[in-house]
Amino acid sequence: MSNVETVRGPVDTASLGNVLMHEHVFVIGTEMQQNYPDYPSRWDEDARVADAVTKLRECKARGIDTIVDPTVIGLGRYIPRIQAVNEQADINIIAATGIYTYNEVPFQFHYNGPGLLFDVAEPMVELFVKDIRDGIAGTAVKAAFLKCAIEVQGLTPGVERVMRAVGQAHVETGKPITVHTNPHTESGLVAQRVLAEEGVDLSKVVIGHSGDSTDLDYLCRVADAGSYLGMDRFGLDLLLPFEQRVDTVVEMARRGYAEKMVLAHDAACFIDWFVADAKEQAVPNWNFNHISDDVIPALRERGVTEEQLTTMLVDNPRRYFS
């Protein structure tokens, strides 16, 4: 088997075990944290690290061996903090490179790039490849996959530029891709088109947040084009209730698509987009344990087989990273 890079170093893909394919340890707006540390929830470094260790240990105790963390620029990636957590929590954490934006590229790229004021090769590609080959920000931690996003705003010039840079970095390195999408606008199909134009192997792409949709025709079209469906927001019941999320996975599995689905919550140990207490009240199941405690039993009750569960949690992630 091949190796995949994790925060603690390379791991044989055969040893990844049960994998949650889209989780965040921390999502933080760094400038807000530095300038308004009490808004919307106070940041305490030691307390947050300790809390993350506890939550990841609980996740591991339920049989989850690996989490895939697509926290990139725009979401507050800071690898030394993740290393501090991983030193105390015995679970594989797989880090990403890329840029998370729904609109524009960060200002650091506005004037630097092909056809711009400073007409140079796309700097994003160079940075992504460096994260993959040399390590992230002077650490020994290497990114194992790439991340981009497309939301209801659609394929804005900034979104397209990032997506094509991600595609080019994939072609250069062979690393897989995950895309944040909004399935209600069928943006997964747009992402597949753009990435394919850059020469991307669509079988190495997760179309994230596909589980927010019950549109089986759309989901089948995405899967038939070769990509994995990210059924990865279990617990976000405000966006789609639990029963509908489960029923969609059940029906897709019944149709033979277990080999094209991966599972996760898109949860975080800490996210500063919400007041902490309000988040807990609004989405109490949005945590790393919901799939183990509630989703898997519900899938079994509705006829999803152990073989299909293993396919979604073990085999598909292993193939994705192989």
C-alpha atoms as a PDB file:
ATOM      1  CA  MET A   1       0.000   0.000   0.000  1.00  0.00           C
ATOM      2  CA  SER A   2       1.023   3.661  -0.265  1.00  0.00           C
ATOM      3  CA  ASN A   3       1.618   6.179   2.503  1.00  0.00           C
ATOM      4  CA  VAL A   4      -0.383   9.282   3.324  1.00  0.00           C
ATOM      5  CA  GLU A   5       1.039  12.238   5.212  1.00  0.00           C
ATOM      6  CA  THR A   6      -0.499  13.028   8.604  1.00  0.00           C
ATOM      7  CA  VAL A   7       0.298  15.605  11.276  1.00  0.00           C
ATOM      8  CA  ARG A   8       2.463  12.984  12.976  1.00  0.00           C
ATOM      9  CA  GLY A   9       4.146  11.821   9.780  1.00  0.00           C
ATOM     10  CA  PRO A  10       3.491   9.305   7.012  1.00  0.00           C
ATOM     11  CA  VAL A  11       1.044   6.462   7.645  1.00  0.00           C
ATOM     12  CA  ASP A  12       0.301   3.446   5.484  1.00  0.00           C
ATOM     13  CA  THR A  13      -3.120   3.998   3.917  1.00  0.00           C
ATOM     14  CA  ALA A  14      -3.995   0.453   4.999  1.00  0.00           C
ATOM     15  CA  SER A  15      -3.675   1.673   8.608  1.00  0.00           C
ATOM     16  CA  LEU A  16      -6.065   4.617   8.374  1.00  0.00           C
ATOM     17  CA  GLY A  17      -8.931   2.547   9.784  1.00  0.00           C
ATOM     18  CA  ASN A  18     -12.300   4.241  10.146  1.00  0.00           C
ATOM     19  CA  VAL A  19     -12.095   7.725   8.651  1.00  0.00           C
ATOM     20  CA  LEU A  20     -14.242  10.824   9.022  1.00  0.00           C
ATOM     21  CA  MET A  21     -13.494  12.601   5.757  1.00  0.00           C
ATOM     22  CA  HIS A  22     -14.325  16.227   6.597  1.00  0.00           C
ATOM     23  CA  GLU A  23     -13.741  17.568  10.114  1.00  0.00           C
ATOM     24  CA  HIS A  24     -11.993  20.617  11.529  1.00  0.00           C
ATOM     25  CA  VAL A  25      -9.982  20.809  14.717  1.00  0.00           C
ATOM     26  CA  PHE A  26     -10.190  24.624  14.801  1.00  0.00           C
ATOM     27  CA  VAL A  27     -11.870  27.196  12.581  1.00  0.00           C
ATOM     28  CA  ILE A  28     -10.641  30.642  13.612  1.00  0.00           C
ATOM     29  CA  GLY A  29     -10.611  34.130  12.122  1.00  0.00           C
ATOM     30  CA  THR A  30      -7.080  35.056  13.169  1.00  0.00           C
ATOM     31  CA  GLU A  31      -7.441  38.817  12.785  1.00  0.00           C
ATOM     32  CA  MET A  32     -10.664  38.824  14.777  1.00  0.00           C
ATOM     33  CA  GLN A  33      -9.068  36.682  17.468  1.00  0.00           C
ATOM     34  CA  GLN A  34      -6.103  39.025  17.744  1.00  0.00           C
ATOM     35  CA  ASN A  35      -8.124  42.241  17.782  1.00  0.00           C
ATOM     36  CA  TYR A  36     -11.419  41.224  19.408  1.00  0.00           C
ATOM     37  CA  PRO A  37     -10.520  38.160  21.504  1.00  0.00           C
ATOM     38  CA  ASP A  38     -13.871  38.131  23.325  1.00  0.00           C
ATOM     39  CA  TYR A  39     -16.046  38.088  20.195  1.00  0.00           C
ATOM     40  CA  PRO A  40     -18.045  35.998  19.600  1.00  0.00           C
ATOM     41  CA  SER A  41     -16.507  33.496  22.068  1.00  0.00           C
ATOM     42  CA  ARG A  42     -13.419  34.135  24.133  1.00  0.00           C
ATOM     43  CA  TRP A  43     -10.245  32.443  22.936  1.00  0.00           C
ATOM     44  CA  ASP A  44      -8.078  30.750  25.568  1.00  0.00           C
ATOM     45  CA  GLU A  45      -5.210  28.845  23.945  1.00  0.00           C
ATOM     46  CA  ASP A  46      -4.580  26.306  26.713  1.00  0.00           C
ATOM     47  CA  ALA A  47      -8.255  25.672  27.325  1.00  0.00           C
ATOM     48  CA  ARG A  48      -9.032  25.242  23.621  1.00  0.00           C
ATOM     49  CA  VAL A  49      -6.161  22.828  23.087  1.00  0.00           C
ATOM     50  CA  ALA A  50      -7.221  20.792  26.127  1.00  0.00           C
ATOM     51  CA  ASP A  51     -10.827  20.751  24.911  1.00  0.00           C
ATOM     52  CA  ALA A  52      -9.751  19.574  21.458  1.00  0.00           C
ATOM     53  CA  VAL A  53      -7.677  16.785  23.004  1.00  0.00           C
ATOM     54  CA  THR A  54     -10.702  15.630  24.999  1.00  0.00           C
ATOM     55  CA  LYS A  55     -13.020  15.684  21.985  1.00  0.00           C
ATOM     56  CA  LEU A  56     -10.587  13.813  19.757  1.00  0.00           C
ATOM     57  CA  ARG A  57      -9.980  11.199  22.444  1.00  0.00           C
ATOM     58  CA  GLU A  58     -13.737  10.677  22.698  1.00  0.00           C
ATOM     59  CA  CYS A  59     -13.909  10.313  18.928  1.00  0.00           C
ATOM     60  CA  LYS A  60     -11.087   7.752  18.948  1.00  0.00           C
ATOM     61  CA  ALA A  61     -12.746   5.817  21.784  1.00  0.00           C
ATOM     62  CA  ARG A  62     -15.744   5.275  19.500  1.00  0.00           C
ATOM     63  CA  GLY A  63     -13.587   3.564  16.891  1.00  0.00           C
ATOM     64  CA  ILE A  64     -12.632   6.466  14.638  1.00  0.00           C
ATOM     65  CA  ASP A  65      -8.956   6.225  13.725  1.00  0.00           C
ATOM     66  CA  THR A  66      -8.492   9.192  11.365  1.00  0.00           C
ATOM     67  CA  ILE A  67      -9.975  12.602  10.699  1.00  0.00           C
ATOM     68  CA  VAL A  68      -9.372  14.507   7.482  1.00  0.00           C
ATOM     69  CA  ASP A  69      -9.062  18.224   8.268  1.00  0.00           C
ATOM     70  CA  PRO A  70      -9.628  20.588   5.290  1.00  0.00           C
ATOM     71  CA  THR A  71      -8.738  23.730   7.246  1.00  0.00           C
ATOM     72  CA  VAL A  72      -6.827  25.971   4.840  1.00  0.00           C
ATOM     73  CA  ILE A  73      -6.166  29.671   4.272  1.00  0.00           C
ATOM     74  CA  GLY A  74      -9.436  31.467   4.986  1.00  0.00           C
ATOM     75  CA  LEU A  75     -10.333  29.125   7.846  1.00  0.00           C
ATOM     76  CA  GLY A  76      -7.427  29.823  10.204  1.00  0.00           C
ATOM     77  CA  ARG A  77      -4.993  26.965   9.581  1.00  0.00           C
ATOM     78  CA  TYR A  78      -2.172  26.997  12.152  1.00  0.00           C
ATOM     79  CA  ILE A  79      -0.288  23.717  12.148  1.00  0.00           C
ATOM     80  CA  PRO A  80       1.769  24.153  15.379  1.00  0.00           C
ATOM     81  CA  ARG A  81      -1.485  24.263  17.345  1.00  0.00           C
ATOM     82  CA  ILE A  82      -2.709  21.096  15.625  1.00  0.00           C
ATOM     83  CA  GLN A  83       0.608  19.440  16.436  1.00  0.00           C
ATOM     84  CA  ALA A  84       0.171  20.349  20.105  1.00  0.00           C
ATOM     85  CA  VAL A  85      -3.255  18.709  20.083  1.00  0.00           C
ATOM     86  CA  ASN A  86      -2.073  15.622  18.210  1.00  0.00           C
ATOM     87  CA  GLU A  87       0.774  15.069  20.673  1.00  0.00           C
ATOM     88  CA  GLN A  88      -1.892  14.307  23.277  1.00  0.00           C
ATOM     89  CA  ALA A  89      -4.633  12.697  21.188  1.00  0.00           C
ATOM     90  CA  ASP A  90      -3.821   9.360  19.552  1.00  0.00           C
ATOM     91  CA  ILE A  91      -5.671   9.820  16.281  1.00  0.00           C
ATOM     92  CA  ASN A  92      -4.507  10.441  12.717  1.00  0.00           C
ATOM     93  CA  ILE A  93      -5.102  14.014  11.522  1.00  0.00           C
ATOM     94  CA  ILE A  94      -4.605  14.665   7.807  1.00  0.00           C
ATOM     95  CA  ALA A  95      -3.862  18.275   6.870  1.00  0.00           C
ATOM     96  CA  ALA A  96      -4.737  20.174   3.686  1.00  0.00           C
ATOM     97  CA  THR A  97      -3.530  23.010   1.530  1.00  0.00           C
ATOM     98  CA  GLY A  98      -5.598  25.414  -0.527  1.00  0.00           C
ATOM     99  CA  ILE A  99      -7.719  28.535  -0.128  1.00  0.00           C
ATOM    100  CA  TYR A 100     -11.280  28.852   1.132  1.00  0.00           C
ATOM    101  CA  THR A 101     -13.198  31.677  -0.508  1.00  0.00           C
ATOM    102  CA  TYR A 102     -16.677  32.191  -1.923  1.00  0.00           C
ATOM    103  CA  ASN A 103     -15.713  35.346  -3.829  1.00  0.00           C
ATOM    104  CA  GLU A 104     -12.323  37.001  -4.178  1.00  0.00           C
ATOM    105  CA  VAL A 105      -8.804  35.688  -3.739  1.00  0.00           C
ATOM    106  CA  PRO A 106      -6.935  37.104  -0.723  1.00  0.00           C
ATOM    107  CA  PHE A 107      -5.398  40.520  -1.367  1.00  0.00           C
ATOM    108  CA  GLN A 108      -1.934  38.947  -1.400  1.00  0.00           C
ATOM    109  CA  PHE A 109      -2.841  37.497  -4.819  1.00  0.00           C
ATOM    110  CA  HIS A 110      -4.732  40.454  -6.313  1.00  0.00           C
ATOM    111  CA  TYR A 111      -1.718  41.918  -8.114  1.00  0.00           C
ATOM    112  CA  ASN A 112       0.508  38.860  -8.476  1.00  0.00           C
ATOM    113  CA  GLY A 113      -0.252  36.253 -11.099  1.00  0.00           C
ATOM    114  CA  PRO A 114      -0.788  35.615 -14.793  1.00  0.00           C
ATOM    115  CA  GLY A 115      -1.834  38.757 -16.623  1.00  0.00           C
ATOM    116  CA  LEU A 116      -1.854  40.912 -13.491  1.00  0.00           C
ATOM    117  CA  LEU A 117       0.227  43.948 -12.469  1.00  0.00           C
ATOM    118  CA  PHE A 118       3.100  41.604 -11.643  1.00  0.00           C
ATOM    119  CA  ASP A 119       2.757  39.095 -14.448  1.00  0.00           C
ATOM    120  CA  VAL A 120       4.190  35.893 -13.017  1.00  0.00           C
ATOM    121  CA  ALA A 121       3.269  32.222 -12.891  1.00  0.00           C
ATOM    122  CA  GLU A 122       0.323  31.486 -10.586  1.00  0.00           C
ATOM    123  CA  PRO A 123       1.815  31.873  -7.082  1.00  0.00           C
ATOM    124  CA  MET A 124      -0.935  29.784  -5.481  1.00  0.00           C
ATOM    125  CA  VAL A 125       0.246  26.686  -7.326  1.00  0.00           C
ATOM    126  CA  GLU A 126       3.785  27.162  -6.033  1.00  0.00           C
ATOM    127  CA  LEU A 127       2.570  27.631  -2.461  1.00  0.00           C
ATOM    128  CA  PHE A 128       0.266  24.605  -2.555  1.00  0.00           C
ATOM    129  CA  VAL A 129       2.995  22.392  -4.003  1.00  0.00           C
ATOM    130  CA  LYS A 130       5.448  23.620  -1.367  1.00  0.00           C
ATOM    131  CA  ASP A 131       2.980  22.670   1.395  1.00  0.00           C
ATOM    132  CA  ILE A 132       2.733  19.204  -0.136  1.00  0.00           C
ATOM    133  CA  ARG A 133       6.398  18.533  -0.871  1.00  0.00           C
ATOM    134  CA  ASP A 134       8.312  20.509   1.758  1.00  0.00           C
ATOM    135  CA  GLY A 135       5.886  20.970   4.646  1.00  0.00           C
ATOM    136  CA  ILE A 136       3.611  23.711   5.928  1.00  0.00           C
ATOM    137  CA  ALA A 137       5.053  26.958   7.330  1.00  0.00           C
ATOM    138  CA  GLY A 138       8.404  25.572   8.349  1.00  0.00           C
ATOM    139  CA  THR A 139       6.982  22.483  10.056  1.00  0.00           C
ATOM    140  CA  ALA A 140       7.567  18.897   9.025  1.00  0.00           C
ATOM    141  CA  VAL A 141       3.826  18.473   8.449  1.00  0.00           C
ATOM    142  CA  LYS A 142       3.022  17.966   4.775  1.00  0.00           C
ATOM    143  CA  ALA A 143      -0.369  18.560   3.234  1.00  0.00           C
ATOM    144  CA  ALA A 144      -1.931  15.378   1.878  1.00  0.00           C
ATOM    145  CA  PHE A 145      -4.771  16.907  -0.130  1.00  0.00           C
ATOM    146  CA  LEU A 146      -6.061  20.145  -1.636  1.00  0.00           C
ATOM    147  CA  LYS A 147      -9.133  22.236  -0.830  1.00  0.00           C
ATOM    148  CA  CYS A 148     -11.176  24.858  -2.673  1.00  0.00           C
ATOM    149  CA  ALA A 149     -14.761  26.090  -2.529  1.00  0.00           C
ATOM    150  CA  ILE A 150     -17.713  27.209  -4.631  1.00  0.00           C
ATOM    151  CA  GLU A 151     -20.895  28.532  -3.027  1.00  0.00           C
ATOM    152  CA  VAL A 152     -24.157  30.184  -4.060  1.00  0.00           C
ATOM    153  CA  GLN A 153     -22.171  33.073  -5.551  1.00  0.00           C
ATOM    154  CA  GLY A 154     -21.057  30.632  -8.211  1.00  0.00           C
ATOM    155  CA  LEU A 155     -17.897  30.588 -10.274  1.00  0.00           C
ATOM    156  CA  THR A 156     -16.672  34.107  -9.517  1.00  0.00           C
ATOM    157  CA  PRO A 157     -13.274  35.051 -10.999  1.00  0.00           C
ATOM    158  CA  GLY A 158     -11.640  34.550  -7.612  1.00  0.00           C
ATOM    159  CA  VAL A 159     -13.266  31.174  -7.006  1.00  0.00           C
ATOM    160  CA  GLU A 160     -12.316  29.992 -10.493  1.00  0.00           C
ATOM    161  CA  ARG A 161      -8.720  31.128 -10.060  1.00  0.00           C
ATOM    162  CA  VAL A 162      -8.323  29.203  -6.813  1.00  0.00           C
ATOM    163  CA  MET A 163     -10.039  26.147  -8.262  1.00  0.00           C
ATOM    164  CA  ARG A 164      -7.779  26.077 -11.304  1.00  0.00           C
ATOM    165  CA  ALA A 165      -4.711  26.545  -9.108  1.00  0.00           C
ATOM    166  CA  VAL A 166      -5.852  23.597  -7.003  1.00  0.00           C
ATOM    167  CA  GLY A 167      -6.347  21.566 -10.174  1.00  0.00           C
ATOM    168  CA  GLN A 168      -2.887  22.431 -11.443  1.00  0.00           C
ATOM    169  CA  ALA A 169      -1.312  21.516  -8.100  1.00  0.00           C
ATOM    170  CA  HIS A 170      -3.153  18.182  -8.220  1.00  0.00           C
ATOM    171  CA  VAL A 171      -1.777  17.459 -11.684  1.00  0.00           C
ATOM    172  CA  GLU A 172       1.752  18.310 -10.503  1.00  0.00           C
ATOM    173  CA  THR A 173       1.636  16.310  -7.262  1.00  0.00           C
ATOM    174  CA  GLY A 174      -1.097  13.709  -7.682  1.00  0.00           C
ATOM    175  CA  LYS A 175      -2.722  14.738  -4.391  1.00  0.00           C
ATOM    176  CA  PRO A 176      -6.511  14.442  -4.127  1.00  0.00           C
ATOM    177  CA  ILE A 177      -8.960  17.322  -3.794  1.00  0.00           C
ATOM    178  CA  THR A 178     -11.994  18.185  -1.713  1.00  0.00           C
ATOM    179  CA  VAL A 179     -14.365  20.938  -2.794  1.00  0.00           C
ATOM    180  CA  HIS A 180     -16.803  22.802  -0.569  1.00  0.00           C
ATOM    181  CA  THR A 181     -19.960  23.014  -2.672  1.00  0.00           C
ATOM    182  CA  ASN A 182     -23.580  24.043  -2.393  1.00  0.00           C
ATOM    183  CA  PRO A 183     -25.563  21.164  -3.887  1.00  0.00           C
ATOM    184  CA  HIS A 184     -28.731  23.255  -4.193  1.00  0.00           C
ATOM    185  CA  THR A 185     -27.061  25.206  -7.015  1.00  0.00           C
ATOM    186  CA  GLU A 186     -25.532  22.017  -8.449  1.00  0.00           C
ATOM    187  CA  SER A 187     -22.113  23.598  -8.009  1.00  0.00           C
ATOM    188  CA  GLY A 188     -20.517  20.190  -7.694  1.00  0.00           C
ATOM    189  CA  LEU A 189     -21.025  19.751 -11.428  1.00  0.00           C
ATOM    190  CA  VAL A 190     -19.420  23.139 -12.070  1.00  0.00           C
ATOM    191  CA  ALA A 191     -16.424  22.169  -9.952  1.00  0.00           C
ATOM    192  CA  GLN A 192     -16.073  18.882 -11.818  1.00  0.00           C
ATOM    193  CA  ARG A 193     -16.115  20.702 -15.166  1.00  0.00           C
ATOM    194  CA  VAL A 194     -13.449  23.219 -14.183  1.00  0.00           C
ATOM    195  CA  LEU A 195     -11.203  20.650 -12.532  1.00  0.00           C
ATOM    196  CA  ALA A 196     -11.529  18.303 -15.515  1.00  0.00           C
ATOM    197  CA  GLU A 197     -10.446  21.153 -17.791  1.00  0.00           C
ATOM    198  CA  GLU A 198      -7.242  21.324 -15.739  1.00  0.00           C
ATOM    199  CA  GLY A 199      -6.630  17.603 -16.196  1.00  0.00           C
ATOM    200  CA  VAL A 200      -7.797  16.482 -12.759  1.00  0.00           C
ATOM    201  CA  ASP A 201      -8.645  12.836 -12.154  1.00  0.00           C
ATOM    202  CA  LEU A 202     -12.237  13.223 -10.913  1.00  0.00           C
ATOM    203  CA  SER A 203     -12.014   9.925  -9.050  1.00  0.00           C
ATOM    204  CA  LYS A 204      -9.618  11.763  -6.708  1.00  0.00           C
ATOM    205  CA  VAL A 205     -12.160  14.478  -5.868  1.00  0.00           C
ATOM    206  CA  VAL A 206     -14.654  14.670  -3.006  1.00  0.00           C
ATOM    207  CA  ILE A 207     -17.611  16.904  -3.800  1.00  0.00           C
ATOM    208  CA  GLY A 208     -18.167  18.163  -0.288  1.00  0.00           C
ATOM    209  CA  HIS A 209     -21.525  18.787   1.389  1.00  0.00           C
ATOM    210  CA  SER A 210     -23.399  16.662  -1.113  1.00  0.00           C
ATOM    211  CA  GLY A 211     -25.278  15.288   1.887  1.00  0.00           C
ATOM    212  CA  ASP A 212     -27.120  18.605   2.243  1.00  0.00           C
ATOM    213  CA  SER A 213     -29.228  17.528  -0.738  1.00  0.00           C
ATOM    214  CA  THR A 214     -31.977  14.959  -1.236  1.00  0.00           C
ATOM    215  CA  ASP A 215     -31.845  15.402  -5.025  1.00  0.00           C
ATOM    216  CA  LEU A 216     -30.912  11.860  -5.993  1.00  0.00           C
ATOM    217  CA  ASP A 217     -30.630  12.665  -9.689  1.00  0.00           C
ATOM    218  CA  TYR A 218     -28.013  15.354  -8.955  1.00  0.00           C
ATOM    219  CA  LEU A 219     -26.111  13.083  -6.574  1.00  0.00           C
ATOM    220  CA  CYS A 220     -26.042  10.269  -9.116  1.00  0.00           C
ATOM    221  CA  ARG A 221     -24.768  12.621 -11.827  1.00  0.00           C
ATOM    222  CA  VAL A 222     -21.882  13.739  -9.606  1.00  0.00           C
ATOM    223  CA  ALA A 223     -21.015  10.172  -8.630  1.00  0.00           C
ATOM    224  CA  ASP A 224     -21.347   8.882 -12.193  1.00  0.00           C
ATOM    225  CA  ALA A 225     -18.781  11.483 -13.276  1.00  0.00           C
ATOM    226  CA  GLY A 226     -16.336   9.717 -10.985  1.00  0.00           C
ATOM    227  CA  SER A 227     -16.164  11.748  -7.790  1.00  0.00           C
ATOM    228  CA  TYR A 228     -16.955  10.877  -4.194  1.00  0.00           C
ATOM    229  CA  LEU A 229     -20.037  12.341  -2.561  1.00  0.00           C
ATOM    230  CA  GLY A 230     -19.241  14.048   0.734  1.00  0.00           C
ATOM    231  CA  MET A 231     -22.136  13.030   2.986  1.00  0.00           C
ATOM    232  CA  ASP A 232     -20.348  15.118   5.524  1.00  0.00           C
ATOM    233  CA  ARG A 233     -22.624  17.395   7.509  1.00  0.00           C
ATOM    234  CA  PHE A 234     -24.347  15.006   9.851  1.00  0.00           C
ATOM    235  CA  GLY A 235     -25.456  16.987  12.888  1.00  0.00           C
ATOM    236  CA  LEU A 236     -26.170  20.179  10.937  1.00  0.00           C
ATOM    237  CA  ASP A 237     -29.859  19.462  11.171  1.00  0.00           C
ATOM    238  CA  LEU A 238     -30.780  23.095  10.531  1.00  0.00           C
ATOM    239  CA  LEU A 239     -29.595  22.641   6.943  1.00  0.00           C
ATOM    240  CA  LEU A 240     -31.194  19.212   6.472  1.00  0.00           C
ATOM    241  CA  PRO A 241     -32.853  17.088   9.164  1.00  0.00           C
ATOM    242  CA  PHE A 242     -31.259  13.892  10.419  1.00  0.00           C
ATOM    243  CA  GLU A 243     -33.881  11.568   8.952  1.00  0.00           C
ATOM    244  CA  GLN A 244     -33.513  12.988   5.456  1.00  0.00           C
ATOM    245  CA  ARG A 245     -29.719  12.776   5.583  1.00  0.00           C
ATOM    246  CA  VAL A 246     -29.888   9.150   6.677  1.00  0.00           C
ATOM    247  CA  ASP A 247     -32.574   8.231   4.150  1.00  0.00           C
ATOM    248  CA  THR A 248     -30.517   9.750   1.325  1.00  0.00           C
ATOM    249  CA  VAL A 249     -27.446   7.685   2.205  1.00  0.00           C
ATOM    250  CA  VAL A 250     -29.638   4.585   2.521  1.00  0.00           C
ATOM    251  CA  GLU A 251     -31.186   5.087  -0.909  1.00  0.00           C
ATOM    252  CA  MET A 252     -27.866   5.861  -2.570  1.00  0.00           C
ATOM    253  CA  ALA A 253     -26.377   2.727  -1.020  1.00  0.00           C
ATOM    254  CA  ARG A 254     -29.387   0.723  -2.223  1.00  0.00           C
ATOM    255  CA  ARG A 255     -28.725   2.022  -5.733  1.00  0.00           C
ATOM    256  CA  GLY A 256     -25.142   0.792  -5.571  1.00  0.00           C
ATOM    257  CA  TYR A 257     -23.326   4.013  -4.692  1.00  0.00           C
ATOM    258  CA  ALA A 258     -21.713   3.018  -1.388  1.00  0.00           C
ATOM    259  CA  GLU A 259     -18.375   3.022  -3.213  1.00  0.00           C
ATOM    260  CA  LYS A 260     -18.924   6.711  -4.023  1.00  0.00           C
ATOM    261  CA  MET A 261     -19.829   8.053  -0.561  1.00  0.00           C
ATOM    262  CA  VAL A 262     -17.744   9.195   2.405  1.00  0.00           C
ATOM    263  CA  LEU A 263     -19.079  10.254   5.797  1.00  0.00           C
ATOM    264  CA  ALA A 264     -18.340  13.093   8.224  1.00  0.00           C
ATOM    265  CA  HIS A 265     -19.876  15.965  10.203  1.00  0.00           C
ATOM    266  CA  ASP A 266     -17.954  19.090   9.087  1.00  0.00           C
ATOM    267  CA  ALA A 267     -17.780  19.747  12.825  1.00  0.00           C
ATOM    268  CA  ALA A 268     -15.007  21.461  14.783  1.00  0.00           C
ATOM    269  CA  CYS A 269     -13.624  21.316  18.282  1.00  0.00           C
ATOM    270  CA  PHE A 270     -13.951  25.098  18.183  1.00  0.00           C
ATOM    271  CA  ILE A 271     -15.344  27.431  15.522  1.00  0.00           C
ATOM    272  CA  ASP A 272     -15.575  31.161  16.069  1.00  0.00           C
ATOM    273  CA  TRP A 273     -18.384  31.760  13.594  1.00  0.00           C
ATOM    274  CA  PHE A 274     -20.970  31.354  16.363  1.00  0.00           C
ATOM    275  CA  VAL A 275     -21.445  32.069  20.029  1.00  0.00           C
ATOM    276  CA  ALA A 276     -20.541  28.726  21.601  1.00  0.00           C
ATOM    277  CA  ASP A 277     -23.650  28.292  23.768  1.00  0.00           C
ATOM    278  CA  ALA A 278     -25.958  29.291  20.933  1.00  0.00           C
ATOM    279  CA  LYS A 279     -24.340  26.751  18.610  1.00  0.00           C
ATOM    280  CA  GLU A 280     -24.814  23.974  21.135  1.00  0.00           C
ATOM    281  CA  GLN A 281     -28.488  24.846  21.480  1.00  0.00           C
ATOM    282  CA  ALA A 282     -29.131  25.174  17.755  1.00  0.00           C
ATOM    283  CA  VAL A 283     -27.266  22.052  16.573  1.00  0.00           C
ATOM    284  CA  PRO A 284     -26.638  19.837  19.622  1.00  0.00           C
ATOM    285  CA  ASN A 285     -25.618  16.843  17.498  1.00  0.00           C
ATOM    286  CA  TRP A 286     -23.002  18.709  15.481  1.00  0.00           C
ATOM    287  CA  ASN A 287     -19.945  16.973  16.943  1.00  0.00           C
ATOM    288  CA  PHE A 288     -17.461  14.225  16.125  1.00  0.00           C
ATOM    289  CA  ASN A 289     -19.479  11.484  17.875  1.00  0.00           C
ATOM    290  CA  HIS A 290     -22.835  11.807  16.129  1.00  0.00           C
ATOM    291  CA  ILE A 291     -22.016   9.385  13.309  1.00  0.00           C
ATOM    292  CA  SER A 292     -20.730   6.737  15.704  1.00  0.00           C
ATOM    293  CA  ASP A 293     -23.554   7.157  18.223  1.00  0.00           C
ATOM    294  CA  ASP A 294     -26.565   7.851  16.015  1.00  0.00           C
ATOM    295  CA  VAL A 295     -25.962   7.716  12.274  1.00  0.00           C
ATOM    296  CA  ILE A 296     -24.400   4.269  11.944  1.00  0.00           C
ATOM    297  CA  PRO A 297     -27.110   2.590  14.066  1.00  0.00           C
ATOM    298  CA  ALA A 298     -29.779   4.339  11.965  1.00  0.00           C
ATOM    299  CA  LEU A 299     -28.138   3.229   8.727  1.00  0.00           C
ATOM    300  CA  ARG A 300     -27.997  -0.357   9.975  1.00  0.00           C
ATOM    301  CA  GLU A 301     -31.652  -0.264  10.962  1.00  0.00           C
ATOM    302  CA  ARG A 302     -32.562   0.881   7.450  1.00  0.00           C
ATOM    303  CA  GLY A 303     -30.665  -1.936   5.760  1.00  0.00           C
ATOM    304  CA  VAL A 304     -27.194  -0.581   5.078  1.00  0.00           C
ATOM    305  CA  THR A 305     -24.871  -3.563   5.411  1.00  0.00           C
ATOM    306  CA  GLU A 306     -21.651  -3.861   7.381  1.00  0.00           C
ATOM    307  CA  GLU A 307     -19.826  -4.234   4.088  1.00  0.00           C
ATOM    308  CA  GLN A 308     -21.286  -0.953   2.827  1.00  0.00           C
ATOM    309  CA  LEU A 309     -20.389   0.832   6.091  1.00  0.00           C
ATOM    310  CA  THR A 310     -16.827  -0.431   5.793  1.00  0.00           C
ATOM    311  CA  THR A 311     -16.746   0.755   2.187  1.00  0.00           C
ATOM    312  CA  MET A 312     -17.755   4.295   3.172  1.00  0.00           C
ATOM    313  CA  LEU A 313     -15.645   4.597   6.323  1.00  0.00           C
ATOM    314  CA  VAL A 314     -12.544   2.549   5.464  1.00  0.00           C
ATOM    315  CA  ASP A 315     -12.188   1.535   1.818  1.00  0.00           C
ATOM    316  CA  ASN A 316     -13.161   4.774   0.077  1.00  0.00           C
ATOM    317  CA  PRO A 317     -10.852   6.987   2.159  1.00  0.00           C
ATOM    318  CA  ARG A 318      -8.013   4.518   1.611  1.00  0.00           C
ATOM    319  CA  ARG A 319      -8.559   4.574  -2.162  1.00  0.00           C
ATOM    320  CA  TYR A 320      -8.833   8.357  -2.160  1.00  0.00           C
ATOM    321  CA  PHE A 321      -5.391   8.734  -0.559  1.00  0.00           C
ATOM    322  CA  SER A 322      -3.699   5.822  -2.340  1.00  0.00           C
END
